[in-house]
Amino acid sequence: VAAKVREFVAGLQEFDNSRLVTAHNGPEQAAMDVWPNEAWLNLNNIYTYNDAYPAALAQYNRSGAKPFFLMATYYENEHSSTPLSLRRQAYWTVLSGGVVGHIFGNCPMWHFNAPSGSSFCASSTWQSQLGSAGATTLAYVGRLFASRAFYKLVPDQGHTVLTAGFQSGSSYATAARASDGSSIIAYIPTGRSVTINLLQVSGTSARAWWFNPRTAVATLINTYSTSGTTTFTSPDASDWVL
């Protein structure tokens, strides 16, 4: 199988060698788990049906790490997914080192109403899903990160940025800091108070915002001195981005 894959890639690159190349392996396998030393693989990915942040951090921290994205996981209208679980997957990935992004999936979009896909989700047409909650709110992820230097984000693995309130499991609040201190972004899946070390922000003051991942509305909280820690309490019990 490996020989056939290498020949297939060689054929692609004989025609055009300027493209990014990755590999779609089985669940709970990153591309580099199976193809760790292939010169042709210049883009890594993760494929997981568990919480996304451990898989993302494993690839971010691996020796010889390459840029990666979330290739596949639970899709909308499948496997008891919810708009919240879909958002968690995306924000967890990007804030845990997967700054290339994520692929969003929806049933029945991915099988375009073909009978073979009918067992995965309730009967409906792909056209009716174009404005779904997942399709709408997952687009806001890109809008938010494009407004900041997302390519500089470093995961807050040691909790030196988000120092309290991060919790664990499906409630885990992920945070990342731009390497130059220009931004801190934290995704908080459930309403709570979190403590941020504002000493990690460059300059003498920082503006804090709540970004609603369900509506893409950003609300200015206040301006703070970057001289110590500050506790922020999310506006309600839903998920929020700070």
Protein backbone atom coordinates (compact mmCIF):
# COMPACT_ATOMS: atom_id res chain seq x y z
CA VAL A 1 0.00 0.00 0.00
CA ALA A 2 2.78 2.44 0.91
CA ALA A 3 4.47 1.87 -2.45
CA LYS A 4 1.22 2.58 -4.30
CA VAL A 5 0.61 5.78 -2.34
CA ARG A 6 4.15 6.98 -3.09
CA GLU A 7 3.67 6.28 -6.80
CA PHE A 8 0.36 8.15 -6.75
CA VAL A 9 2.01 11.19 -5.11
CA ALA A 10 4.89 11.01 -7.58
CA GLY A 11 2.38 11.15 -10.42
CA LEU A 12 0.73 14.22 -8.93
CA GLN A 13 4.03 15.98 -8.40
CA GLU A 14 5.25 15.18 -11.88
CA PHE A 15 2.37 17.30 -13.13
CA ASP A 16 2.44 19.97 -10.39
CA ASN A 17 4.77 20.00 -7.39
CA SER A 18 3.70 23.38 -5.99
CA ARG A 19 0.74 22.07 -3.93
CA LEU A 20 0.42 21.12 -0.31
CA VAL A 21 0.08 17.37 0.17
CA THR A 22 -1.38 15.54 3.15
CA ALA A 23 -2.83 12.08 3.81
CA HIS A 24 -6.21 10.93 5.08
CA ASN A 25 -5.64 8.01 7.46
CA GLY A 26 -7.96 6.25 9.90
CA PRO A 27 -9.64 7.73 12.98
CA GLU A 28 -7.29 8.74 15.80
CA GLN A 29 -4.39 8.90 13.34
CA ALA A 30 -2.60 12.02 12.20
CA ALA A 31 -1.05 12.09 8.75
CA MET A 32 2.43 12.11 10.29
CA ASP A 33 1.60 9.16 12.53
CA VAL A 34 1.51 6.94 9.46
CA TRP A 35 3.85 8.91 7.19
CA PRO A 36 6.38 10.46 9.59
CA ASN A 37 9.38 10.65 7.26
CA GLU A 38 7.83 11.24 3.82
CA ALA A 39 9.33 14.21 1.98
CA TRP A 40 6.13 14.67 -0.01
CA LEU A 41 3.97 15.16 3.09
CA ASN A 42 4.29 18.85 3.86
CA LEU A 43 0.93 19.35 5.62
CA ASN A 44 -0.14 17.35 8.66
CA ASN A 45 -3.68 16.80 9.98
CA ILE A 46 -5.62 15.25 12.83
CA TYR A 47 -8.63 12.94 12.61
CA THR A 48 -10.35 12.30 15.92
CA TYR A 49 -13.71 11.48 17.44
CA ASN A 50 -12.49 12.49 20.89
CA ASP A 51 -11.93 15.98 22.29
CA ALA A 52 -9.81 17.72 19.67
CA TYR A 53 -7.31 19.56 21.85
CA PRO A 54 -5.25 16.53 23.06
CA ALA A 55 -4.84 15.30 19.48
CA ALA A 56 -3.90 18.80 18.34
CA LEU A 57 -1.34 19.33 21.08
CA ALA A 58 0.22 15.94 20.34
CA GLN A 59 0.93 17.04 16.76
CA TYR A 60 1.99 20.53 17.78
CA ASN A 61 4.56 19.07 20.19
CA ARG A 62 5.85 16.22 18.07
CA SER A 63 9.44 16.14 16.83
CA GLY A 64 9.67 17.60 13.33
CA ALA A 65 6.16 19.05 13.61
CA LYS A 66 4.50 20.40 10.48
CA PRO A 67 1.50 22.72 10.11
CA PHE A 68 -1.74 20.82 10.63
CA PHE A 69 -5.51 21.14 10.51
CA LEU A 70 -8.54 19.19 11.75
CA MET A 71 -9.37 16.99 8.78
CA ALA A 72 -12.29 14.96 10.10
CA THR A 73 -14.38 14.51 13.22
CA TYR A 74 -18.10 14.51 14.08
CA TYR A 75 -20.18 16.30 11.48
CA GLU A 76 -23.40 18.22 11.87
CA ASN A 77 -26.56 16.08 12.16
CA GLU A 78 -24.44 13.00 12.92
CA HIS A 79 -23.26 11.12 16.02
CA SER A 80 -25.40 13.26 18.35
CA SER A 81 -23.35 16.36 17.53
CA THR A 82 -24.64 19.80 18.52
CA PRO A 83 -23.78 23.32 17.37
CA LEU A 84 -21.78 23.63 20.59
CA SER A 85 -19.79 20.45 20.04
CA LEU A 86 -19.02 21.54 16.48
CA ARG A 87 -17.73 24.91 17.69
CA ARG A 88 -15.67 23.30 20.43
CA GLN A 89 -13.86 21.12 17.91
CA ALA A 90 -12.92 24.10 15.79
CA TYR A 91 -11.79 26.50 18.52
CA TRP A 92 -9.98 23.77 20.44
CA THR A 93 -7.99 22.86 17.32
CA VAL A 94 -6.92 26.35 16.32
CA LEU A 95 -6.00 27.38 19.88
CA SER A 96 -4.04 24.15 20.38
CA GLY A 97 -1.67 24.72 17.49
CA GLY A 98 -3.80 23.85 14.47
CA VAL A 99 -3.72 27.34 13.03
CA VAL A 100 -4.24 26.02 9.49
CA GLY A 101 -7.88 25.52 10.52
CA HIS A 102 -10.50 22.81 10.28
CA ILE A 103 -12.90 21.12 7.89
CA PHE A 104 -16.58 21.39 8.70
CA GLY A 105 -18.91 18.61 7.66
CA ASN A 106 -22.69 18.38 7.45
CA CYS A 107 -25.02 15.51 6.76
CA PRO A 108 -26.52 15.32 4.13
CA MET A 109 -24.13 17.79 2.44
CA TRP A 110 -21.22 15.39 2.29
CA HIS A 111 -23.14 12.64 0.47
CA PHE A 112 -25.37 14.99 -1.60
CA ASN A 113 -28.54 12.98 -0.87
CA ALA A 114 -27.07 9.73 -2.17
CA PRO A 115 -28.92 6.70 -0.75
CA SER A 116 -25.70 5.29 0.70
CA GLY A 117 -25.53 8.21 3.10
CA SER A 118 -29.12 8.10 4.29
CA SER A 119 -28.31 5.95 7.30
CA PHE A 120 -26.14 8.67 8.84
CA CYS A 121 -28.73 11.39 9.29
CA ALA A 122 -32.40 12.24 8.98
CA SER A 123 -33.80 12.56 5.48
CA SER A 124 -33.33 16.06 4.08
CA THR A 125 -31.67 17.73 1.12
CA TRP A 126 -28.22 19.25 1.09
CA GLN A 127 -29.74 22.51 -0.18
CA SER A 128 -31.83 22.80 3.00
CA GLN A 129 -28.68 22.64 5.11
CA LEU A 130 -26.78 25.55 3.56
CA GLY A 131 -27.95 27.89 6.31
CA SER A 132 -27.70 25.42 9.19
CA ALA A 133 -26.53 26.46 12.66
CA GLY A 134 -23.24 24.67 12.13
CA ALA A 135 -22.59 26.07 8.67
CA THR A 136 -23.35 29.57 9.92
CA THR A 137 -21.49 29.66 13.22
CA LEU A 138 -18.45 27.69 12.05
CA ALA A 139 -17.82 30.42 9.48
CA TYR A 140 -17.42 32.87 12.37
CA VAL A 141 -14.32 30.99 13.50
CA GLY A 142 -12.41 32.14 10.44
CA ARG A 143 -13.76 35.66 10.78
CA LEU A 144 -12.48 35.96 14.33
CA PHE A 145 -9.01 34.54 13.80
CA ALA A 146 -8.48 36.50 10.60
CA SER A 147 -8.91 39.66 12.68
CA ARG A 148 -5.78 38.79 14.69
CA ALA A 149 -2.28 37.49 13.95
CA PHE A 150 -3.54 33.89 14.25
CA TYR A 151 -0.34 32.51 12.66
CA LYS A 152 1.60 33.70 15.72
CA LEU A 153 -0.57 31.91 18.27
CA VAL A 154 1.21 29.64 20.75
CA PRO A 155 -0.94 27.26 22.83
CA ASP A 156 -1.11 28.04 26.54
CA GLN A 157 -0.15 24.52 27.58
CA GLY A 158 1.31 25.49 30.94
CA HIS A 159 -1.59 27.76 31.94
CA THR A 160 0.67 30.79 32.22
CA VAL A 161 -1.94 32.88 30.36
CA LEU A 162 -5.29 31.45 31.45
CA THR A 163 -4.24 30.65 35.00
CA ALA A 164 -7.55 29.58 36.61
CA GLY A 165 -10.94 28.33 35.47
CA PHE A 166 -9.71 26.22 32.56
CA GLN A 167 -11.31 22.97 33.91
CA SER A 168 -10.93 19.75 31.88
CA GLY A 169 -12.55 17.31 29.45
CA SER A 170 -15.36 18.64 27.27
CA SER A 171 -15.49 21.81 29.40
CA TYR A 172 -11.80 22.60 28.89
CA ALA A 173 -11.09 26.26 28.13
CA THR A 174 -8.28 26.58 25.60
CA ALA A 175 -6.13 29.68 25.32
CA ALA A 176 -3.30 30.84 23.11
CA ARG A 177 -0.99 33.85 23.10
CA ALA A 178 0.52 35.52 20.04
CA SER A 179 4.29 35.13 20.24
CA ASP A 180 4.73 38.91 20.29
CA GLY A 181 2.10 39.42 23.00
CA SER A 182 -0.21 41.32 20.66
CA SER A 183 -3.22 39.11 21.43
CA ILE A 184 -4.52 36.50 23.81
CA ILE A 185 -7.53 34.44 22.73
CA ALA A 186 -9.40 32.01 24.98
CA TYR A 187 -12.36 29.79 24.11
CA ILE A 188 -14.60 29.03 27.10
CA PRO A 189 -17.11 26.23 26.31
CA THR A 190 -19.35 26.80 29.36
CA GLY A 191 -20.19 29.86 31.39
CA ARG A 192 -17.72 30.52 34.22
CA SER A 193 -15.09 32.86 35.59
CA VAL A 194 -11.55 32.62 34.24
CA THR A 195 -8.39 34.38 35.33
CA ILE A 196 -6.07 35.87 32.72
CA ASN A 197 -2.47 36.92 33.37
CA LEU A 198 -2.39 40.28 31.59
CA LEU A 199 1.37 40.46 32.08
CA GLN A 200 1.43 38.22 29.00
CA VAL A 201 0.09 41.08 26.86
CA SER A 202 2.64 43.47 25.36
CA GLY A 203 2.36 47.18 26.14
CA THR A 204 0.93 48.91 29.19
CA SER A 205 -2.79 48.32 28.60
CA ALA A 206 -5.07 45.75 27.03
CA ARG A 207 -8.59 45.94 25.63
CA ALA A 208 -10.72 42.93 26.51
CA TRP A 209 -13.63 41.78 24.37
CA TRP A 210 -16.32 39.13 24.54
CA PHE A 211 -16.87 37.51 21.15
CA ASN A 212 -20.14 35.61 20.82
CA PRO A 213 -19.37 32.51 18.70
CA ARG A 214 -23.06 32.03 17.96
CA THR A 215 -23.65 35.52 16.47
CA ALA A 216 -20.15 36.90 15.72
CA VAL A 217 -20.92 40.00 17.80
CA ALA A 218 -17.97 41.42 19.72
CA THR A 219 -18.57 43.50 22.84
CA LEU A 220 -15.88 45.62 24.48
CA ILE A 221 -15.56 44.79 28.18
CA ASN A 222 -13.02 47.37 29.32
CA THR A 223 -9.41 48.48 29.09
CA TYR A 224 -7.06 47.04 31.71
CA SER A 225 -3.55 47.67 32.92
CA THR A 226 -1.20 44.83 31.98
CA SER A 227 0.23 44.76 35.48
CA GLY A 228 -1.26 41.56 36.88
CA THR A 229 -4.11 39.06 36.71
CA THR A 230 -7.77 39.86 36.03
CA THR A 231 -10.84 37.64 36.38
CA PHE A 232 -13.49 37.67 33.67
CA THR A 233 -16.96 36.12 33.99
CA SER A 234 -18.68 35.07 30.78
CA PRO A 235 -22.01 36.83 30.05
CA ASP A 236 -24.13 33.67 30.33
CA ALA A 237 -23.92 29.89 30.51
CA SER A 238 -23.18 29.45 26.79
CA ASP A 239 -19.78 29.27 25.10
CA TRP A 240 -17.80 32.48 24.65
CA VAL A 241 -14.49 33.69 23.29
CA LEU A 242 -12.43 36.13 25.35
